[in-house]
N, C-alpha and C. Protein backbone atom coordinates (compact mmCIF):
# COMPACT_ATOMS: atom_id res chain seq x y z
N UNK A 1 80.96 91.19 124.29
CA UNK A 1 80.17 92.43 124.12
C UNK A 1 81.08 93.65 124.44
N UNK A 2 81.80 93.56 125.52
CA UNK A 2 82.75 94.68 125.94
C UNK A 2 83.78 94.92 124.86
N UNK A 3 84.38 93.72 124.35
CA UNK A 3 85.32 93.82 123.34
C UNK A 3 84.77 94.48 122.12
N UNK A 4 83.53 94.22 121.74
CA UNK A 4 82.98 94.71 120.57
C UNK A 4 82.75 96.25 120.69
N UNK A 5 82.36 96.68 121.87
CA UNK A 5 82.12 98.16 122.15
C UNK A 5 83.48 98.93 122.09
N UNK A 6 84.48 98.29 122.68
CA UNK A 6 85.84 98.90 122.63
C UNK A 6 86.28 99.05 121.22
N UNK A 7 86.03 98.03 120.33
CA UNK A 7 86.44 98.12 119.00
C UNK A 7 85.73 99.20 118.13
N UNK A 8 84.52 99.30 118.54
CA UNK A 8 83.70 100.38 117.84
C UNK A 8 84.19 101.77 118.26
N UNK A 9 84.51 101.91 119.57
CA UNK A 9 85.12 103.21 120.04
C UNK A 9 86.35 103.57 119.33
N UNK A 10 87.13 102.61 119.19
CA UNK A 10 88.59 102.96 118.42
C UNK A 10 88.36 103.16 117.05
N UNK A 11 87.39 102.41 116.46
CA UNK A 11 87.09 102.64 114.99
C UNK A 11 86.54 104.07 114.77
N UNK A 12 85.58 104.42 115.70
CA UNK A 12 84.96 105.69 115.61
C UNK A 12 85.97 106.88 115.71
N UNK A 13 86.88 106.67 116.74
CA UNK A 13 87.90 107.67 116.94
C UNK A 13 88.86 107.86 115.75
N UNK A 14 89.10 106.62 115.17
CA UNK A 14 89.98 106.72 113.93
C UNK A 14 89.38 107.52 112.84
N UNK A 15 88.11 107.25 112.65
CA UNK A 15 87.38 108.06 111.61
C UNK A 15 87.45 109.50 111.84
N UNK A 16 87.15 109.84 113.12
CA UNK A 16 87.27 111.31 113.53
C UNK A 16 88.53 111.91 113.24
N UNK A 17 89.57 111.16 113.67
CA UNK A 17 90.96 111.74 113.52
C UNK A 17 91.30 111.89 112.00
N UNK A 18 91.00 110.89 111.19
CA UNK A 18 91.29 110.95 109.81
C UNK A 18 90.52 112.17 109.08
N UNK A 19 89.25 112.34 109.48
CA UNK A 19 88.44 113.46 109.01
C UNK A 19 89.02 114.67 109.36
N UNK A 20 89.55 114.76 110.61
CA UNK A 20 90.13 116.09 111.15
C UNK A 20 91.34 116.42 110.44
N UNK A 21 92.16 115.41 110.21
CA UNK A 21 93.45 115.64 109.45
C UNK A 21 93.13 116.15 107.95
N UNK A 22 92.08 115.57 107.48
CA UNK A 22 91.64 115.97 106.12
C UNK A 22 91.31 117.46 106.14
N UNK A 23 90.63 117.85 107.18
CA UNK A 23 90.32 119.28 107.31
C UNK A 23 91.46 120.27 107.44
N UNK A 24 92.44 119.64 108.15
CA UNK A 24 93.69 120.42 108.30
C UNK A 24 94.35 120.69 107.06
N UNK A 25 94.32 119.64 106.14
CA UNK A 25 94.98 119.82 104.81
C UNK A 25 94.26 120.92 104.05
N UNK A 26 92.92 120.92 104.15
CA UNK A 26 92.14 121.83 103.40
C UNK A 26 92.35 123.31 103.75
N UNK A 27 93.07 123.52 104.93
CA UNK A 27 93.36 124.91 105.35
C UNK A 27 94.43 125.52 104.45
N UNK A 28 95.11 124.62 103.73
CA UNK A 28 96.25 125.07 103.00
C UNK A 28 95.84 125.44 101.51
N UNK A 29 94.64 125.10 101.15
CA UNK A 29 94.17 125.28 99.73
C UNK A 29 92.68 125.32 99.64
N UNK A 30 92.18 125.80 98.48
CA UNK A 30 90.73 125.84 98.33
C UNK A 30 90.15 124.38 98.38
N UNK A 31 88.98 124.26 98.87
CA UNK A 31 88.22 123.07 99.08
C UNK A 31 88.18 122.24 97.68
N UNK A 32 88.07 122.89 96.57
CA UNK A 32 87.84 122.18 95.30
C UNK A 32 89.23 121.92 94.58
N UNK A 33 90.31 122.29 95.22
CA UNK A 33 91.60 122.09 94.63
C UNK A 33 92.27 120.88 95.22
N UNK A 34 92.68 119.89 94.41
CA UNK A 34 93.27 118.65 94.98
C UNK A 34 94.62 118.89 95.54
N UNK A 35 94.94 118.08 96.60
CA UNK A 35 96.24 118.22 97.32
C UNK A 35 97.35 117.96 96.21
N UNK A 36 98.47 118.72 96.34
CA UNK A 36 99.54 118.70 95.43
C UNK A 36 100.69 118.12 96.17
N UNK A 37 101.02 116.82 96.21
CA UNK A 37 102.09 116.29 96.90
C UNK A 37 103.08 115.85 95.83
N UNK A 38 104.24 116.66 95.76
CA UNK A 38 105.39 116.26 94.81
C UNK A 38 106.16 115.29 95.32
N UNK A 39 105.98 114.07 95.02
CA UNK A 39 106.76 112.96 95.61
C UNK A 39 108.27 113.10 95.24
N UNK A 40 108.56 113.47 94.08
CA UNK A 40 109.91 113.61 93.58
C UNK A 40 110.66 114.71 94.36
N UNK A 41 110.02 115.76 94.69
CA UNK A 41 110.59 116.94 95.35
C UNK A 41 110.51 116.60 96.83
N UNK A 42 109.60 115.74 97.33
CA UNK A 42 109.42 115.42 98.75
C UNK A 42 108.71 116.59 99.54
N UNK A 43 107.94 117.38 98.81
CA UNK A 43 107.30 118.52 99.46
C UNK A 43 105.79 118.52 99.13
N UNK A 44 105.12 119.36 99.85
CA UNK A 44 103.75 119.61 99.53
C UNK A 44 103.51 121.06 99.12
N UNK A 45 102.91 121.36 98.02
CA UNK A 45 102.66 122.65 97.52
C UNK A 45 101.75 123.40 98.35
N UNK A 46 101.88 124.70 98.63
CA UNK A 46 101.11 125.63 99.34
C UNK A 46 100.68 126.79 98.37
N UNK A 47 99.37 127.06 98.26
CA UNK A 47 98.87 128.05 97.44
C UNK A 47 99.58 129.43 97.69
N UNK A 48 99.80 130.16 96.77
CA UNK A 48 100.30 131.53 96.92
C UNK A 48 99.42 132.36 97.81
N UNK A 49 100.07 133.13 98.69
CA UNK A 49 99.34 134.04 99.56
C UNK A 49 98.96 133.38 100.88
N UNK A 50 99.21 132.10 101.09
CA UNK A 50 98.92 131.43 102.30
C UNK A 50 100.11 131.63 103.31
N UNK A 51 100.03 132.29 104.33
CA UNK A 51 101.16 132.64 105.23
C UNK A 51 101.30 131.44 106.38
N UNK A 52 102.51 131.01 106.44
CA UNK A 52 102.76 129.99 107.41
C UNK A 52 103.98 130.40 108.29
N UNK A 53 103.85 130.25 109.57
CA UNK A 53 104.94 130.56 110.42
C UNK A 53 104.79 132.04 111.04
N UNK A 54 105.53 132.33 112.08
CA UNK A 54 105.51 133.62 112.73
C UNK A 54 106.12 133.51 114.05
N UNK A 55 106.03 134.59 114.79
CA UNK A 55 106.63 134.66 116.14
C UNK A 55 106.03 133.75 117.08
N UNK A 56 106.82 133.14 117.91
CA UNK A 56 106.40 132.34 119.07
C UNK A 56 107.14 132.56 120.37
N UNK A 57 106.63 132.34 121.49
CA UNK A 57 107.22 132.56 122.70
C UNK A 57 106.92 131.26 123.57
N UNK A 58 107.98 130.49 123.70
CA UNK A 58 107.74 129.12 124.34
C UNK A 58 108.86 128.82 125.37
N UNK A 59 108.81 127.61 125.89
CA UNK A 59 109.83 127.20 126.82
C UNK A 59 110.53 125.92 126.31
N UNK A 60 111.87 125.93 126.34
CA UNK A 60 112.53 124.71 125.85
C UNK A 60 112.65 123.67 126.85
N UNK A 61 113.19 122.53 126.49
CA UNK A 61 113.22 121.31 127.36
C UNK A 61 114.23 121.52 128.54
N UNK A 62 114.97 122.68 128.57
CA UNK A 62 115.87 122.93 129.63
C UNK A 62 115.21 124.01 130.55
N UNK A 63 114.06 124.38 130.27
CA UNK A 63 113.42 125.35 131.16
C UNK A 63 113.64 126.78 130.76
N UNK A 64 114.29 127.04 129.57
CA UNK A 64 114.65 128.38 129.15
C UNK A 64 113.50 128.93 128.31
N UNK A 65 113.11 130.19 128.50
CA UNK A 65 112.15 130.88 127.66
C UNK A 65 112.85 131.20 126.29
N UNK A 66 112.25 130.80 125.28
CA UNK A 66 112.82 131.17 123.89
C UNK A 66 111.76 131.70 123.00
N UNK A 67 112.30 132.34 121.90
CA UNK A 67 111.35 132.82 120.85
C UNK A 67 111.91 132.42 119.55
N UNK A 68 111.16 132.55 118.51
CA UNK A 68 111.59 132.24 117.22
C UNK A 68 112.84 132.92 116.82
N UNK A 69 113.04 134.11 117.37
CA UNK A 69 114.26 134.95 117.01
C UNK A 69 115.48 134.15 117.54
N UNK A 70 115.47 133.32 118.59
CA UNK A 70 116.70 132.63 119.06
C UNK A 70 117.20 131.75 118.01
N UNK A 71 116.49 131.44 116.95
CA UNK A 71 116.94 130.43 115.96
C UNK A 71 117.28 131.07 114.64
N UNK A 72 117.44 132.34 114.64
CA UNK A 72 117.75 133.05 113.33
C UNK A 72 119.18 132.69 112.94
N UNK A 73 119.41 132.54 111.64
CA UNK A 73 120.67 132.17 111.17
C UNK A 73 120.81 130.66 110.95
N UNK A 74 119.76 129.96 111.37
CA UNK A 74 119.80 128.45 111.10
C UNK A 74 118.48 128.15 110.42
N UNK A 75 118.36 127.12 109.74
CA UNK A 75 117.10 126.51 109.12
C UNK A 75 116.45 125.86 110.24
N UNK A 76 115.13 126.24 110.47
CA UNK A 76 114.32 125.64 111.47
C UNK A 76 113.52 124.50 110.95
N UNK A 77 113.58 123.36 111.41
CA UNK A 77 112.85 122.12 111.00
C UNK A 77 111.82 121.88 112.12
N UNK A 78 110.58 122.30 111.87
CA UNK A 78 109.59 122.36 112.90
C UNK A 78 108.52 121.27 112.74
N UNK A 79 108.28 120.55 113.87
CA UNK A 79 107.29 119.50 113.86
C UNK A 79 106.40 119.52 115.21
N UNK A 80 105.13 119.46 115.02
CA UNK A 80 104.19 119.50 116.12
C UNK A 80 103.76 118.24 116.49
N UNK A 81 103.77 117.77 117.78
CA UNK A 81 103.43 116.49 118.17
C UNK A 81 103.36 116.42 119.75
N UNK A 82 103.39 115.19 120.19
CA UNK A 82 103.45 115.06 121.77
C UNK A 82 104.00 113.80 122.23
N UNK A 83 104.56 113.74 123.40
CA UNK A 83 105.30 112.58 123.75
C UNK A 83 104.52 111.24 123.90
N UNK A 84 103.26 111.33 124.07
CA UNK A 84 102.34 110.08 124.22
C UNK A 84 101.85 109.64 122.87
N UNK A 85 102.28 110.29 121.83
CA UNK A 85 101.83 109.94 120.45
C UNK A 85 102.32 108.55 120.10
N UNK A 86 101.46 107.66 119.66
CA UNK A 86 101.79 106.30 119.52
C UNK A 86 102.58 105.88 118.21
N UNK A 87 102.48 106.77 117.19
CA UNK A 87 103.00 106.43 115.87
C UNK A 87 103.73 107.48 115.09
N UNK A 88 102.99 108.53 114.59
CA UNK A 88 103.54 109.54 113.66
C UNK A 88 104.71 110.28 114.39
N UNK A 89 104.56 110.66 115.68
CA UNK A 89 105.60 111.46 116.30
C UNK A 89 106.88 110.73 116.40
N UNK A 90 106.92 109.54 117.05
CA UNK A 90 108.22 108.89 117.13
C UNK A 90 108.79 108.53 115.74
N UNK A 91 108.05 108.15 114.87
CA UNK A 91 108.49 107.87 113.48
C UNK A 91 109.11 109.09 112.83
N UNK A 92 108.47 110.29 113.00
CA UNK A 92 108.98 111.52 112.41
C UNK A 92 110.23 112.00 113.01
N UNK A 93 110.29 111.92 114.33
CA UNK A 93 111.41 112.32 115.08
C UNK A 93 112.67 111.56 114.72
N UNK A 94 112.33 110.21 114.62
CA UNK A 94 113.48 109.27 114.14
C UNK A 94 114.02 109.66 112.74
N UNK A 95 113.20 110.04 111.92
CA UNK A 95 113.58 110.51 110.54
C UNK A 95 114.36 111.76 110.75
N UNK A 96 113.99 112.71 111.59
CA UNK A 96 114.75 113.92 111.71
C UNK A 96 116.07 113.63 112.36
N UNK A 97 116.14 112.69 113.24
CA UNK A 97 117.45 112.37 113.88
C UNK A 97 118.40 111.71 112.85
N UNK A 98 117.78 110.80 112.01
CA UNK A 98 118.64 110.17 111.14
C UNK A 98 119.15 111.10 110.03
N UNK A 99 118.32 112.04 109.54
CA UNK A 99 118.74 113.07 108.66
C UNK A 99 119.86 113.94 109.15
N UNK A 100 119.77 114.17 110.51
CA UNK A 100 120.77 115.04 111.14
C UNK A 100 122.12 114.33 110.97
N UNK A 101 122.10 113.00 111.33
CA UNK A 101 123.28 112.25 111.32
C UNK A 101 123.94 112.17 109.85
N UNK A 102 123.08 112.08 108.83
CA UNK A 102 123.58 112.01 107.50
C UNK A 102 124.17 113.31 107.10
N UNK A 103 123.67 114.37 107.70
CA UNK A 103 124.28 115.71 107.31
C UNK A 103 125.64 115.98 107.89
N UNK A 104 126.03 115.25 108.87
CA UNK A 104 127.30 115.43 109.51
C UNK A 104 127.48 116.85 110.12
N UNK A 105 128.59 117.53 109.85
CA UNK A 105 128.87 118.84 110.42
C UNK A 105 127.77 119.91 109.97
N UNK A 106 127.18 119.61 108.83
CA UNK A 106 126.21 120.67 108.29
C UNK A 106 125.02 120.67 109.21
N UNK A 107 124.78 119.69 110.05
CA UNK A 107 123.57 119.72 110.94
C UNK A 107 123.65 120.82 111.90
N UNK A 108 124.82 121.43 112.16
CA UNK A 108 124.87 122.52 113.15
C UNK A 108 124.17 123.74 112.62
N UNK A 109 123.80 123.78 111.33
CA UNK A 109 123.09 124.86 110.66
C UNK A 109 121.59 124.60 110.63
N UNK A 110 121.14 123.57 111.33
CA UNK A 110 119.75 123.15 111.42
C UNK A 110 119.28 123.27 112.87
N UNK A 111 118.04 123.90 113.07
CA UNK A 111 117.44 123.97 114.35
C UNK A 111 116.28 123.03 114.33
N UNK A 112 116.33 121.71 114.79
CA UNK A 112 115.28 120.91 114.70
C UNK A 112 114.40 121.11 115.94
N UNK A 113 113.10 121.48 115.91
CA UNK A 113 112.23 121.83 116.89
C UNK A 113 110.98 120.88 116.99
N UNK A 114 110.71 120.40 118.11
CA UNK A 114 109.61 119.52 118.38
C UNK A 114 108.63 120.33 119.31
N UNK A 115 107.49 120.85 118.84
CA UNK A 115 106.57 121.73 119.59
C UNK A 115 105.39 120.75 120.12
N UNK A 116 105.27 120.69 121.43
CA UNK A 116 104.17 119.80 121.87
C UNK A 116 102.75 120.45 121.64
N UNK A 117 101.79 119.51 121.36
CA UNK A 117 100.38 120.06 121.33
C UNK A 117 99.69 119.52 122.57
N UNK A 118 100.41 119.08 123.54
CA UNK A 118 99.84 118.51 124.80
C UNK A 118 100.68 119.15 125.96
N UNK A 119 100.64 120.53 126.16
CA UNK A 119 101.39 121.14 127.12
C UNK A 119 101.12 120.71 128.56
N UNK A 120 99.87 120.21 128.76
CA UNK A 120 99.50 119.86 130.12
C UNK A 120 100.44 118.84 130.71
N UNK A 121 100.72 117.80 129.85
CA UNK A 121 101.55 116.60 130.28
C UNK A 121 102.97 116.93 129.82
N UNK A 122 103.24 117.45 128.68
CA UNK A 122 104.65 117.64 128.23
C UNK A 122 105.36 118.78 128.86
N UNK A 123 105.87 118.53 130.02
CA UNK A 123 106.70 119.60 130.74
C UNK A 123 108.05 119.64 130.14
N UNK A 124 108.91 120.52 130.41
CA UNK A 124 110.23 120.57 129.95
C UNK A 124 111.04 119.45 130.28
N UNK A 125 110.92 118.86 131.42
CA UNK A 125 111.64 117.70 131.86
C UNK A 125 111.22 116.36 131.10
N UNK A 126 109.87 116.33 130.87
CA UNK A 126 109.34 115.20 130.12
C UNK A 126 109.84 115.25 128.76
N UNK A 127 109.76 116.38 128.10
CA UNK A 127 110.37 116.48 126.74
C UNK A 127 111.70 116.17 126.63
N UNK A 128 112.65 116.52 127.61
CA UNK A 128 114.06 116.23 127.56
C UNK A 128 114.26 114.75 127.64
N UNK A 129 113.54 114.00 128.53
CA UNK A 129 113.74 112.63 128.67
C UNK A 129 113.27 111.90 127.38
N UNK A 130 112.22 112.41 126.83
CA UNK A 130 111.65 111.82 125.56
C UNK A 130 112.55 111.92 124.43
N UNK A 131 113.13 113.06 124.22
CA UNK A 131 114.02 113.34 123.04
C UNK A 131 115.36 112.74 123.10
N UNK A 132 115.72 112.30 124.34
CA UNK A 132 117.00 111.54 124.46
C UNK A 132 116.92 110.20 123.67
N UNK A 133 115.68 109.77 123.42
CA UNK A 133 115.49 108.60 122.68
C UNK A 133 115.82 108.63 121.14
N UNK A 134 115.93 109.95 120.65
CA UNK A 134 116.04 110.17 119.25
C UNK A 134 117.46 111.02 119.03
N UNK A 135 117.55 112.15 119.42
CA UNK A 135 118.71 113.03 119.15
C UNK A 135 118.63 114.25 120.14
N UNK A 136 119.57 114.41 120.96
CA UNK A 136 119.58 115.52 121.99
C UNK A 136 119.62 116.82 121.25
N UNK A 137 120.00 116.90 120.02
CA UNK A 137 120.00 118.12 119.23
C UNK A 137 118.61 118.62 118.87
N UNK A 138 117.63 117.70 118.98
CA UNK A 138 116.33 118.12 118.77
C UNK A 138 115.69 118.90 119.95
N UNK A 139 115.32 120.14 119.74
CA UNK A 139 114.81 120.98 120.84
C UNK A 139 113.24 120.77 121.19
N UNK A 140 113.02 120.46 122.33
CA UNK A 140 111.58 120.23 122.72
C UNK A 140 110.96 121.57 123.21
N UNK A 141 109.82 122.05 122.75
CA UNK A 141 109.24 123.30 123.15
C UNK A 141 107.91 123.07 123.68
N UNK A 142 107.52 123.72 124.76
CA UNK A 142 106.25 123.69 125.39
C UNK A 142 105.90 125.03 125.89
N UNK A 143 104.73 125.23 126.58
CA UNK A 143 104.31 126.42 127.03
C UNK A 143 102.93 126.38 127.65
N UNK A 144 102.25 127.45 127.89
CA UNK A 144 100.85 127.31 128.34
C UNK A 144 99.91 127.14 127.15
N UNK A 145 98.66 126.91 127.51
CA UNK A 145 97.74 126.57 126.42
C UNK A 145 97.63 127.69 125.38
N UNK A 146 97.67 128.94 125.86
CA UNK A 146 97.54 130.07 124.89
C UNK A 146 98.78 130.22 124.00
N UNK A 147 100.01 129.96 124.63
CA UNK A 147 101.17 130.04 123.76
C UNK A 147 101.22 128.84 122.79
N UNK A 148 100.79 127.67 123.07
CA UNK A 148 100.75 126.64 122.14
C UNK A 148 99.78 126.86 121.07
N UNK A 149 98.59 127.37 121.42
CA UNK A 149 97.53 127.68 120.45
C UNK A 149 98.03 128.74 119.50
N UNK A 150 98.72 129.75 119.92
CA UNK A 150 99.24 130.84 119.13
C UNK A 150 100.32 130.23 118.16
N UNK A 151 101.16 129.40 118.64
CA UNK A 151 102.15 128.78 117.70
C UNK A 151 101.49 127.96 116.72
N UNK A 152 100.53 127.13 117.08
CA UNK A 152 99.80 126.26 116.12
C UNK A 152 99.05 127.03 115.14
N UNK A 153 98.43 128.12 115.55
CA UNK A 153 97.67 129.04 114.63
C UNK A 153 98.71 129.62 113.56
N UNK A 154 99.77 130.08 113.97
CA UNK A 154 100.74 130.66 113.04
C UNK A 154 101.23 129.65 111.97
N UNK A 155 101.40 128.42 112.45
CA UNK A 155 101.87 127.45 111.47
C UNK A 155 100.67 126.61 110.85
N UNK A 156 99.37 127.06 111.11
CA UNK A 156 98.20 126.42 110.61
C UNK A 156 98.18 124.92 110.85
N UNK A 157 98.55 124.62 112.12
CA UNK A 157 98.55 123.27 112.67
C UNK A 157 97.31 122.92 113.28
N UNK A 158 96.66 121.82 112.81
CA UNK A 158 95.43 121.28 113.55
C UNK A 158 95.87 120.44 114.69
N UNK A 159 95.17 120.62 115.86
CA UNK A 159 95.28 119.66 116.90
C UNK A 159 93.99 119.73 117.77
N UNK A 160 93.63 118.60 118.38
CA UNK A 160 92.44 118.43 119.17
C UNK A 160 92.74 118.28 120.65
N UNK A 161 91.75 118.62 121.47
CA UNK A 161 91.92 118.38 122.89
C UNK A 161 92.18 116.92 123.16
N UNK A 162 92.89 116.48 124.18
CA UNK A 162 93.11 115.05 124.46
C UNK A 162 91.78 114.37 124.82
N UNK A 163 91.64 113.20 124.25
CA UNK A 163 90.44 112.42 124.51
C UNK A 163 90.83 111.12 125.30
N UNK A 164 90.32 111.09 126.58
CA UNK A 164 90.83 110.05 127.45
C UNK A 164 89.93 108.82 127.24
N UNK A 165 90.53 107.81 127.00
CA UNK A 165 89.81 106.49 126.83
C UNK A 165 89.90 105.71 128.22
N UNK A 166 88.89 104.86 128.53
CA UNK A 166 88.90 104.12 129.71
C UNK A 166 90.15 103.20 129.80
N UNK A 167 90.76 102.90 128.73
CA UNK A 167 91.98 102.15 128.71
C UNK A 167 93.09 102.85 129.30
N UNK A 168 93.05 104.18 129.45
CA UNK A 168 94.12 104.94 129.87
C UNK A 168 94.93 105.70 128.79
N UNK A 169 94.55 105.41 127.57
CA UNK A 169 95.34 106.02 126.46
C UNK A 169 94.79 107.48 126.29
N UNK A 170 95.76 108.44 126.14
CA UNK A 170 95.37 109.83 125.84
C UNK A 170 95.91 110.05 124.43
N UNK A 171 94.86 110.40 123.62
CA UNK A 171 95.11 110.61 122.14
C UNK A 171 94.86 112.05 121.77
N UNK A 172 95.73 112.78 121.19
CA UNK A 172 95.63 114.11 120.67
C UNK A 172 95.72 114.05 119.18
N UNK A 173 94.56 114.17 118.54
CA UNK A 173 94.63 114.31 117.03
C UNK A 173 95.44 115.46 116.54
N UNK A 174 96.33 115.35 115.61
CA UNK A 174 97.06 116.58 115.14
C UNK A 174 97.55 116.29 113.68
N UNK A 175 97.84 117.40 113.10
CA UNK A 175 98.41 117.30 111.66
C UNK A 175 99.84 116.91 111.85
N UNK A 176 100.42 116.33 110.71
CA UNK A 176 101.73 115.72 110.81
C UNK A 176 102.80 116.21 109.87
N UNK A 177 102.58 117.56 109.35
CA UNK A 177 103.52 118.07 108.40
C UNK A 177 104.81 118.48 109.22
N UNK A 178 105.85 118.52 108.39
CA UNK A 178 107.04 119.11 108.86
C UNK A 178 107.31 120.49 108.18
N UNK A 179 107.62 121.44 108.94
CA UNK A 179 107.81 122.86 108.36
C UNK A 179 109.22 123.18 108.35
N UNK A 180 109.60 123.66 107.19
CA UNK A 180 111.02 124.09 106.96
C UNK A 180 111.03 125.61 106.86
N UNK A 181 111.68 126.34 107.82
CA UNK A 181 111.77 127.79 107.77
C UNK A 181 113.20 128.14 107.48
N UNK A 182 113.38 129.15 106.68
CA UNK A 182 114.76 129.54 106.38
C UNK A 182 115.37 130.39 107.39
N UNK A 183 116.72 130.70 107.38
CA UNK A 183 117.43 131.41 108.43
C UNK A 183 116.94 132.79 108.84
N UNK A 184 116.10 133.36 107.99
CA UNK A 184 115.52 134.70 108.34
C UNK A 184 114.16 134.45 109.06
N UNK A 185 113.69 133.11 109.17
CA UNK A 185 112.47 132.87 109.94
C UNK A 185 111.29 132.76 108.96
N UNK A 186 111.51 132.88 107.65
CA UNK A 186 110.42 132.76 106.65
C UNK A 186 110.13 131.36 106.19
N UNK A 187 108.85 131.07 105.94
CA UNK A 187 108.49 129.78 105.44
C UNK A 187 109.12 129.42 104.15
N UNK A 188 109.69 128.16 104.07
CA UNK A 188 110.51 127.74 102.86
C UNK A 188 109.65 126.54 102.18
N UNK A 189 109.35 125.55 103.02
CA UNK A 189 108.76 124.35 102.41
C UNK A 189 107.93 123.47 103.46
N UNK A 190 106.92 122.80 102.99
CA UNK A 190 106.04 122.00 103.73
C UNK A 190 106.39 120.55 103.31
N UNK A 191 106.69 119.72 104.32
CA UNK A 191 107.16 118.36 104.02
C UNK A 191 105.94 117.36 104.64
N UNK A 192 105.70 116.43 103.85
CA UNK A 192 104.64 115.46 104.41
C UNK A 192 105.37 114.46 105.40
N UNK A 193 104.47 113.79 106.20
CA UNK A 193 104.90 112.95 107.12
C UNK A 193 105.63 111.74 106.55
N UNK A 194 105.30 111.34 105.35
CA UNK A 194 105.90 110.13 104.71
C UNK A 194 107.27 110.44 103.92
N UNK A 195 107.67 111.57 104.22
CA UNK A 195 109.03 111.81 103.63
C UNK A 195 110.01 110.96 104.42
N UNK A 196 110.98 110.23 103.72
CA UNK A 196 111.89 109.42 104.55
C UNK A 196 113.11 110.17 104.90
N UNK A 197 114.01 109.52 105.75
CA UNK A 197 115.11 110.19 106.25
C UNK A 197 116.14 110.59 105.06
N UNK A 198 116.21 109.68 104.13
CA UNK A 198 117.32 110.00 103.02
C UNK A 198 116.74 111.19 102.24
N UNK A 199 115.51 111.26 101.89
CA UNK A 199 114.94 112.36 101.14
C UNK A 199 115.03 113.65 102.00
N UNK A 200 114.77 113.55 103.27
CA UNK A 200 114.81 114.67 104.17
C UNK A 200 116.21 115.27 104.14
N UNK A 201 117.20 114.44 104.27
CA UNK A 201 118.63 114.79 104.29
C UNK A 201 119.05 115.46 102.97
N UNK A 202 118.53 114.89 101.91
CA UNK A 202 118.82 115.53 100.52
C UNK A 202 118.21 116.88 100.42
N UNK A 203 117.02 117.13 100.87
CA UNK A 203 116.36 118.35 100.82
C UNK A 203 117.11 119.34 101.72
N UNK A 204 117.47 119.02 102.85
CA UNK A 204 118.13 119.88 103.83
C UNK A 204 119.55 120.26 103.17
N UNK A 205 120.22 119.26 102.58
CA UNK A 205 121.52 119.50 102.11
C UNK A 205 121.53 120.53 100.95
N UNK A 206 120.45 120.38 100.14
CA UNK A 206 120.28 121.24 98.97
C UNK A 206 119.91 122.71 99.45
N UNK A 207 119.22 122.84 100.51
CA UNK A 207 118.86 124.19 101.03
C UNK A 207 120.12 124.81 101.56
N UNK A 208 120.85 124.05 102.31
CA UNK A 208 122.12 124.57 102.89
C UNK A 208 123.09 125.03 101.91
N UNK A 209 123.09 124.41 100.69
CA UNK A 209 124.05 124.73 99.61
C UNK A 209 123.65 126.11 98.89
N UNK A 210 122.35 126.41 99.03
CA UNK A 210 121.88 127.62 98.37
C UNK A 210 121.13 128.48 99.39
N UNK A 211 121.89 129.33 100.12
CA UNK A 211 121.30 130.22 101.08
C UNK A 211 120.24 131.14 100.42
N UNK A 212 119.16 131.54 101.29
CA UNK A 212 118.20 132.41 100.76
C UNK A 212 118.72 133.82 100.40
N UNK A 213 118.17 134.42 99.37
CA UNK A 213 118.63 135.69 98.85
C UNK A 213 118.38 136.73 100.09
């Protein structure tokens, strides 16, 4: 009986998270317009007039206060997640790390950023330890609740408060897009979570070969 109730709880949570992620996608386009995922290009189309990105004031994994302006001159590859994430976050961070390796010296022109949606637990020290598992060039960013909420709002990121299960698992539902911002800080492309490392490297290499006007 206990096992059945636990299964029901997890299935219910899964349905809630999937529905929430669906709502996050709808923020990028009208409700009656189908999602436009260009598999060949490796990007997701965003309707004209939808603003993505903006100023942020956060703290990096070394404890330094930073803003979006600190990354000017480089392409920002931005992903929102958290260190206790069981699947999408480690998979996406590994793709980012592999893509950086494939770029070789060109990777110096990329600023890969991992912004936590769980600031209560994701301290600078915890982010630093976590990111060592992937690539130390990936910058971990945290802040207080208001700072994280402001950054998420600017990037149109969906995330939910942590839901604590009796099993001890802390789950934060969140959208899983990767955001590519050009060296002037303007939005350039929205990448789906299923983009693979090879495609991500190809996209970044092409962007680096053609600087924004």
